[in-house]
Amino acid sequence: MGEYYGTPVTALSLHDGWMDINIETDEEMTPQVKFYPPWTSGTKIVLEEDSFLKKDKFSYKRKWGTNEFKVKGHFSNCVNFEESYSVWNPALQFVETVKGRLIERGIPVEGQSQVYDAPLNVETTYLFSHHSFALSELAQVLMKESQNHYADCFLKTTARQMTGEGSFKKGSELATQFILESMGISTLDTQNKQDKIGFSMLDGSGLSSHNAIQPQHLVALLKYGMNQPYWEKWLNTFPIMGLDGTLEKRDSQDGLTKGRVWAKTGYIFRSRALSGYLETLDGEPIVFSIILNNYSCPTKKVNQAQDDICALMIRLKGNRQVKNDIQNRYKFTHALNGHQ
C-alpha cells in the first residue's frame, strides 16, 4: 500500500492516482522537495537522513489513511531524484486539482472540496463531454507498461456499462462467465466427478493473492483473440520481446526471440507468468502460456528460463498445410510497428 502499483481505484482518476515526489540537493547537500500535482490534499513530506542507505538511495513510506510521506535517504550534493507513489484519496486529488487549475486561470472557486459516493439530490447543469482515447490505445498502456491502475479501472468500467454496478465483484463475475462459458472451457473434474473451476478472479490487476488461473484459460483467451476482427489491434497491445514494454530487456540466450515473441508478463511474490504468441522460423504462430509457482531461485533466472523455452518453440517445425493457412490469415509483422 502506497507503492505506485497499488493505487486505490475510483471513478475519478488523475495522473494514474499517483503523486510524483522530487528531491533535489544543492552543492551544500541541502535538500528541496517538490511534488506533483501540487494540489494533492493533505500532503506532508518529511525527510530523514539515513546513513545506512547507499548514497542517493531513498526509501519511501506513506502513513496509512493519509498523504503523509516519510522519505529516508543518504544525501549527497547536486542530486535530482524522483519517484511516484499512490495517493490516499485519488478522487479528492482530482477534484482539488480541477479547482486549483480554475483558480490559476482566474476563475474563483469557493467552498471546501468534497467527494461523495452517490449523486447528491441537487440541480446540476450539463457543461461538456470529453472523449478518451480509443480502447485499443489505452490497452497498449495497460499491456506494454503492465499498468495495474488501468487494468482495475477497465474491469470496473466494463462492469458499470454492462450491469450498472462498477465494482470488482461484478467485473469478476463477467470475466469468469466469459472465460469459462464463452470459450467453452470444461469445469468438470472427470476423475472425481465434481465441478472444479480452477479459476478465481478478485480484481483486474492480479495483485490479489486470491487470484488463480490455469494456462488453459490463458491459451483459450489468446486463441479467442486471434479469431476476432480486431486481431491486429489486439496483437499491437502486447510487449514485443527485446523491443518494447516489459519485455524490452528480455531475450533468449541465443538472441532468437527478439522481435518474434508478443507476450504479457505477470508477477506477484514467487509467481511468474508469460503468455502470448510467438512466430517460428517457418512463419507459423504458436499460442503459449508459461506459469511458474513457488520458485526459490531469483526471478531473473525464471525469466531467462521462460525466454529460452520460447527460443525452443521458435525452432519447432510445423505442419506445412497449417503454416500456409495461418500465414494467409495472421500477419504478425504488422505488430512490429516499424521495428526490424
Protein backbone atom coordinates (compact mmCIF):
# COMPACT_ATOMS: atom_id res chain seq x y z
CA MET A 1 0.00 0.00 0.00
CA GLY A 2 1.41 3.33 -1.06
CA GLU A 3 3.55 1.86 -3.83
CA TYR A 4 2.92 3.20 -7.34
CA TYR A 5 1.46 -0.16 -8.45
CA GLY A 6 -1.11 -0.29 -5.60
CA THR A 7 -3.30 2.71 -6.40
CA PRO A 8 -6.86 2.97 -5.00
CA VAL A 9 -9.47 2.77 -7.77
CA THR A 10 -12.16 5.43 -8.05
CA ALA A 11 -14.41 6.83 -10.78
CA LEU A 12 -12.27 9.99 -10.82
CA SER A 13 -8.68 9.28 -11.84
CA LEU A 14 -5.88 11.76 -12.44
CA HIS A 15 -2.18 11.14 -13.12
CA ASP A 16 -2.79 7.40 -12.58
CA GLY A 17 -3.65 8.12 -8.94
CA TRP A 18 -0.02 8.97 -8.28
CA MET A 19 1.94 11.80 -6.77
CA ASP A 20 5.45 12.44 -8.09
CA ILE A 21 7.90 13.32 -5.32
CA ASN A 22 11.04 15.13 -6.45
CA ILE A 23 14.10 15.58 -4.21
CA GLU A 24 16.91 17.88 -5.27
CA THR A 25 20.04 18.85 -3.36
CA ASP A 26 22.38 21.80 -3.91
CA GLU A 27 26.17 21.95 -3.58
CA GLU A 28 25.85 22.06 0.21
CA MET A 29 23.62 18.95 0.21
CA THR A 30 20.58 20.98 1.30
CA PRO A 31 17.51 19.10 0.04
CA GLN A 32 14.47 20.69 -1.59
CA VAL A 33 11.25 18.75 -2.04
CA LYS A 34 8.58 19.27 -4.71
CA PHE A 35 5.57 17.17 -5.55
CA TYR A 36 3.05 16.96 -8.38
CA PRO A 37 0.13 17.52 -8.61
CA PRO A 38 0.71 20.33 -6.10
CA TRP A 39 -2.96 20.42 -5.03
CA THR A 40 -2.99 16.86 -3.60
CA SER A 41 -4.90 17.09 -0.32
CA GLY A 42 -3.08 16.87 3.00
CA THR A 43 0.37 16.30 1.50
CA LYS A 44 3.19 16.30 4.02
CA ILE A 45 6.71 15.07 3.20
CA VAL A 46 9.27 14.54 5.97
CA LEU A 47 12.93 13.93 5.12
CA GLU A 48 15.22 11.89 7.33
CA GLU A 49 18.92 11.23 6.91
CA ASP A 50 19.77 7.52 6.97
CA SER A 51 23.48 6.77 6.75
CA PHE A 52 22.82 3.03 6.41
CA LEU A 53 21.41 3.56 2.92
CA LYS A 54 23.67 3.84 -0.09
CA LYS A 55 24.34 7.35 -1.32
CA ASP A 56 21.50 8.87 -3.32
CA LYS A 57 19.17 6.00 -2.44
CA PHE A 58 15.82 6.75 -0.82
CA SER A 59 13.09 4.76 0.90
CA TYR A 60 9.50 5.98 0.98
CA LYS A 61 6.66 5.17 3.33
CA ARG A 62 3.17 6.64 3.30
CA LYS A 63 1.19 6.78 6.53
CA TRP A 64 -1.99 4.75 6.18
CA GLY A 65 -5.10 6.83 5.51
CA THR A 66 -3.12 9.98 4.72
CA ASN A 67 -0.89 11.62 2.14
CA GLU A 68 1.91 12.00 4.67
CA PHE A 69 5.21 10.57 3.41
CA LYS A 70 8.42 9.81 5.26
CA VAL A 71 11.42 9.79 2.95
CA LYS A 72 14.69 8.39 4.25
CA GLY A 73 17.90 8.85 2.34
CA HIS A 74 21.64 9.26 2.35
CA PHE A 75 22.09 12.61 0.64
CA SER A 76 25.00 13.86 -1.40
CA ASN A 77 25.37 17.14 -3.27
CA CYS A 78 23.73 18.05 -6.60
CA VAL A 79 21.29 15.13 -6.72
CA ASN A 80 17.95 15.10 -8.52
CA PHE A 81 15.72 12.11 -7.74
CA GLU A 82 12.03 11.46 -8.47
CA GLU A 83 9.65 8.65 -7.57
CA SER A 84 5.90 8.12 -7.99
CA TYR A 85 3.70 6.84 -5.18
CA SER A 86 -0.03 6.31 -4.88
CA VAL A 87 -2.14 8.90 -3.08
CA TRP A 88 -4.67 8.05 -0.42
CA ASN A 89 -7.74 9.65 -2.00
CA PRO A 90 -7.31 9.97 -5.79
CA ALA A 91 -10.87 11.21 -6.30
CA LEU A 92 -10.23 14.15 -3.96
CA GLN A 93 -6.90 14.74 -5.71
CA PHE A 94 -8.84 15.00 -8.99
CA VAL A 95 -11.39 17.47 -7.58
CA GLU A 96 -8.81 19.69 -5.88
CA THR A 97 -6.60 19.75 -8.97
CA VAL A 98 -9.53 20.91 -11.11
CA LYS A 99 -10.22 23.58 -8.51
CA GLY A 100 -6.56 24.62 -8.45
CA ARG A 101 -6.39 24.86 -12.24
CA LEU A 102 -9.53 27.00 -12.36
CA ILE A 103 -8.17 29.42 -9.75
CA GLU A 104 -4.86 29.60 -11.67
CA ARG A 105 -6.82 30.79 -14.69
CA GLY A 106 -8.66 33.49 -12.77
CA ILE A 107 -11.90 31.58 -12.17
CA PRO A 108 -12.82 31.87 -8.48
CA VAL A 109 -13.99 28.71 -6.72
CA GLU A 110 -15.41 28.92 -3.19
CA GLY A 111 -16.06 26.28 -0.57
CA GLN A 112 -14.34 23.09 0.53
CA SER A 113 -13.68 20.21 -1.86
CA GLN A 114 -15.59 17.03 -1.07
CA VAL A 115 -16.18 13.68 -2.77
CA TYR A 116 -19.47 11.81 -2.45
CA ASP A 117 -20.03 8.14 -3.19
CA ALA A 118 -23.50 8.77 -4.61
CA PRO A 119 -25.07 11.62 -6.62
CA LEU A 120 -26.40 14.42 -4.45
CA ASN A 121 -30.03 15.45 -4.68
CA VAL A 122 -29.20 18.83 -6.18
CA GLU A 123 -29.81 20.51 -9.51
CA THR A 124 -26.86 20.25 -11.91
CA THR A 125 -26.04 21.83 -15.25
CA TYR A 126 -24.52 19.90 -18.17
CA LEU A 127 -21.29 21.56 -19.35
CA PHE A 128 -19.47 19.36 -21.88
CA SER A 129 -18.34 15.84 -22.82
CA HIS A 130 -14.73 14.73 -23.19
CA HIS A 131 -13.94 11.51 -25.07
CA SER A 132 -10.97 9.39 -24.09
CA PHE A 133 -8.51 7.76 -26.46
CA ALA A 134 -9.72 4.58 -28.14
CA LEU A 135 -9.65 1.42 -26.04
CA SER A 136 -7.04 -0.05 -28.42
CA GLU A 137 -4.69 2.82 -27.50
CA LEU A 138 -5.41 2.74 -23.76
CA ALA A 139 -4.90 -1.02 -23.76
CA GLN A 140 -1.35 -0.52 -25.03
CA VAL A 141 -0.53 1.35 -21.80
CA LEU A 142 -2.12 -1.42 -19.73
CA MET A 143 -0.34 -4.24 -21.54
CA LYS A 144 3.05 -2.84 -22.52
CA GLU A 145 3.66 -0.99 -19.23
CA SER A 146 1.74 -3.53 -17.12
CA GLN A 147 -0.30 -0.68 -15.64
CA ASN A 148 -2.31 -2.09 -12.72
CA HIS A 149 -4.43 1.04 -12.34
CA TYR A 150 -5.65 0.81 -15.94
CA ALA A 151 -6.50 -2.88 -15.50
CA ASP A 152 -8.57 -2.22 -12.38
CA CYS A 153 -10.33 0.78 -13.98
CA PHE A 154 -11.13 -1.22 -17.14
CA LEU A 155 -12.73 -4.00 -15.11
CA LYS A 156 -14.88 -1.65 -13.04
CA THR A 157 -15.85 0.45 -16.08
CA THR A 158 -16.91 -2.66 -18.01
CA ALA A 159 -18.98 -3.80 -15.04
CA ARG A 160 -20.63 -0.37 -14.82
CA GLN A 161 -21.51 -0.38 -18.52
CA MET A 162 -22.88 -3.92 -18.56
CA THR A 163 -24.50 -4.32 -15.13
CA GLY A 164 -24.96 -0.79 -13.76
CA GLU A 165 -22.57 -1.51 -10.86
CA GLY A 166 -18.93 -0.52 -11.22
CA SER A 167 -17.43 -2.97 -8.74
CA PHE A 168 -14.70 -5.60 -8.70
CA LYS A 169 -17.33 -8.18 -7.78
CA LYS A 170 -19.49 -7.56 -10.84
CA GLY A 171 -16.46 -7.22 -13.12
CA SER A 172 -15.00 -10.50 -11.89
CA GLU A 173 -18.33 -12.28 -12.40
CA LEU A 174 -18.44 -11.06 -16.01
CA ALA A 175 -14.84 -12.12 -16.63
CA THR A 176 -15.42 -15.56 -15.09
CA GLN A 177 -18.50 -16.11 -17.22
CA PHE A 178 -16.60 -15.01 -20.34
CA ILE A 179 -13.57 -17.21 -19.67
CA LEU A 180 -15.46 -20.35 -18.66
CA GLU A 181 -18.65 -20.21 -20.73
CA SER A 182 -17.96 -18.16 -23.85
CA MET A 183 -14.79 -20.12 -24.55
CA GLY A 184 -16.29 -23.49 -23.76
CA ILE A 185 -13.75 -24.50 -21.11
CA SER A 186 -14.94 -27.53 -19.19
CA THR A 187 -15.03 -27.08 -15.41
CA LEU A 188 -15.74 -30.73 -14.64
CA ASP A 189 -13.13 -32.85 -12.91
CA THR A 190 -13.96 -36.15 -14.66
CA GLN A 191 -11.84 -38.27 -12.32
CA ASN A 192 -13.65 -37.13 -9.16
CA LYS A 193 -16.93 -36.31 -10.96
CA GLN A 194 -17.20 -32.90 -9.36
CA ASP A 195 -17.15 -29.31 -10.52
CA LYS A 196 -13.63 -27.90 -10.42
CA ILE A 197 -13.37 -24.46 -11.97
CA GLY A 198 -9.69 -23.75 -11.27
CA PHE A 199 -10.28 -20.08 -11.99
CA SER A 200 -10.69 -17.27 -9.46
CA MET A 201 -10.64 -13.53 -10.11
CA LEU A 202 -10.95 -10.83 -7.44
CA ASP A 203 -9.56 -7.74 -9.17
CA GLY A 204 -8.45 -6.51 -12.57
CA SER A 205 -4.72 -6.15 -11.98
CA GLY A 206 -3.82 -9.52 -10.48
CA LEU A 207 -2.45 -8.03 -7.27
CA SER A 208 -4.71 -10.14 -5.06
CA SER A 209 -3.07 -13.36 -3.93
CA HIS A 210 -6.53 -14.98 -4.20
CA ASN A 211 -6.48 -14.74 -7.99
CA ALA A 212 -5.95 -18.13 -9.64
CA ILE A 213 -5.75 -19.07 -13.31
CA GLN A 214 -4.53 -22.05 -15.32
CA PRO A 215 -2.54 -21.96 -18.55
CA GLN A 216 -5.52 -23.48 -20.39
CA HIS A 217 -7.61 -20.41 -19.55
CA LEU A 218 -4.99 -18.01 -20.89
CA VAL A 219 -4.41 -20.09 -24.03
CA ALA A 220 -8.18 -20.15 -24.69
CA LEU A 221 -8.32 -16.36 -24.32
CA LEU A 222 -5.34 -15.90 -26.65
CA LYS A 223 -6.86 -18.22 -29.28
CA TYR A 224 -10.13 -16.32 -28.98
CA GLY A 225 -8.30 -13.04 -29.67
CA MET A 226 -6.73 -14.47 -32.84
CA ASN A 227 -10.17 -15.02 -34.34
CA GLN A 228 -11.63 -11.57 -33.73
CA PRO A 229 -11.93 -8.75 -36.29
CA TYR A 230 -9.74 -6.59 -34.02
CA TRP A 231 -6.89 -9.14 -34.12
CA GLU A 232 -4.18 -6.75 -35.29
CA LYS A 233 -5.09 -4.07 -32.71
CA TRP A 234 -5.17 -6.77 -30.05
CA LEU A 235 -1.70 -8.01 -31.02
CA ASN A 236 -0.35 -4.45 -31.06
CA THR A 237 -1.05 -4.15 -27.32
CA PHE A 238 1.41 -6.93 -26.40
CA PRO A 239 5.01 -6.17 -25.39
CA ILE A 240 7.46 -7.40 -28.03
CA MET A 241 10.43 -9.30 -26.64
CA GLY A 242 13.69 -7.40 -26.95
CA LEU A 243 11.96 -4.31 -28.34
CA ASP A 244 9.45 -2.62 -26.04
CA GLY A 245 7.32 -2.64 -22.90
CA THR A 246 8.03 -5.03 -20.05
CA LEU A 247 9.89 -7.32 -22.47
CA GLU A 248 12.24 -4.68 -23.83
CA LYS A 249 15.24 -6.00 -21.89
CA ARG A 250 14.37 -9.70 -22.15
CA ASP A 251 15.70 -12.15 -24.72
CA SER A 252 16.82 -15.76 -25.02
CA GLN A 253 20.48 -16.51 -24.55
CA ASP A 254 20.87 -17.10 -28.30
CA GLY A 255 19.05 -13.85 -29.18
CA LEU A 256 16.47 -15.75 -31.25
CA THR A 257 13.37 -14.38 -29.50
CA LYS A 258 13.97 -10.70 -30.28
CA GLY A 259 11.05 -9.41 -32.33
CA ARG A 260 9.42 -12.87 -32.53
CA VAL A 261 7.55 -13.04 -29.19
CA TRP A 262 4.46 -10.98 -28.30
CA ALA A 263 3.57 -11.71 -24.69
CA LYS A 264 2.19 -10.33 -21.43
CA THR A 265 4.13 -10.75 -18.21
CA GLY A 266 2.59 -11.46 -14.81
CA TYR A 267 4.14 -11.36 -11.35
CA ILE A 268 3.39 -11.47 -7.66
CA PHE A 269 5.73 -12.86 -4.99
CA ARG A 270 7.27 -16.13 -6.24
CA SER A 271 4.80 -16.46 -9.11
CA ARG A 272 5.85 -15.56 -12.65
CA ALA A 273 3.87 -15.84 -15.89
CA LEU A 274 4.48 -15.23 -19.58
CA SER A 275 1.60 -15.73 -22.00
CA GLY A 276 1.12 -14.74 -25.62
CA TYR A 277 2.21 -15.55 -29.15
CA LEU A 278 5.42 -16.31 -30.98
CA GLU A 279 6.34 -16.83 -34.60
CA THR A 280 8.50 -19.80 -35.57
CA LEU A 281 11.36 -19.57 -38.04
CA ASP A 282 8.96 -21.12 -40.58
CA GLY A 283 6.50 -18.28 -40.01
CA GLU A 284 3.93 -20.29 -38.03
CA PRO A 285 2.32 -18.68 -34.96
CA ILE A 286 2.24 -20.53 -31.64
CA VAL A 287 0.00 -19.69 -28.69
CA PHE A 288 1.60 -20.36 -25.30
CA SER A 289 1.32 -19.78 -21.56
CA ILE A 290 4.16 -20.49 -19.10
CA ILE A 291 3.39 -20.11 -15.38
CA LEU A 292 5.79 -20.88 -12.54
CA ASN A 293 4.74 -21.00 -8.89
CA ASN A 294 6.61 -21.05 -5.58
CA TYR A 295 10.08 -20.94 -7.09
CA SER A 296 13.08 -20.50 -4.81
CA CYS A 297 15.61 -19.05 -7.26
CA PRO A 298 15.92 -15.37 -8.26
CA THR A 299 13.17 -14.17 -10.61
CA LYS A 300 15.86 -13.23 -13.13
CA LYS A 301 16.62 -16.93 -13.62
CA VAL A 302 12.92 -17.72 -14.08
CA ASN A 303 12.69 -15.01 -16.73
CA GLN A 304 15.65 -16.48 -18.57
CA ALA A 305 14.14 -19.97 -18.46
CA GLN A 306 10.88 -18.66 -19.95
CA ASP A 307 12.76 -16.80 -22.70
CA ASP A 308 14.85 -19.87 -23.56
CA ILE A 309 11.70 -22.03 -23.73
CA CYS A 310 10.33 -19.52 -26.25
CA ALA A 311 13.52 -19.90 -28.29
CA LEU A 312 12.99 -23.68 -28.38
CA MET A 313 9.41 -23.21 -29.61
CA ILE A 314 10.60 -20.81 -32.32
CA ARG A 315 12.67 -23.66 -33.78
CA LEU A 316 9.72 -26.06 -34.00
CA LYS A 317 8.82 -27.34 -37.45
CA GLY A 318 5.12 -27.01 -38.25
CA ASN A 319 2.67 -28.77 -40.48
CA ARG A 320 3.06 -27.22 -43.95
CA GLN A 321 -0.69 -27.01 -44.63
CA VAL A 322 -1.33 -25.40 -41.25
CA LYS A 323 1.54 -22.99 -41.89
CA ASN A 324 0.11 -21.90 -45.25
CA ASP A 325 -3.41 -21.45 -43.90
CA ILE A 326 -2.27 -19.41 -40.90
CA GLN A 327 0.19 -17.25 -42.81
CA ASN A 328 -2.62 -16.10 -45.08
CA ARG A 329 -4.73 -15.19 -42.07
CA TYR A 330 -2.41 -13.67 -39.48
CA LYS A 331 0.18 -11.00 -40.21
CA PHE A 332 2.47 -10.86 -37.18
CA THR A 333 4.86 -8.42 -38.79
CA HIS A 334 2.18 -5.72 -38.54
CA ALA A 335 2.72 -5.68 -34.80
CA LEU A 336 6.34 -4.63 -35.12
CA ASN A 337 5.35 -1.03 -35.88
CA GLY A 338 8.49 -0.40 -37.91
CA HIS A 339 10.86 -2.50 -35.77
CA GLN A 340 13.14 -4.79 -37.75
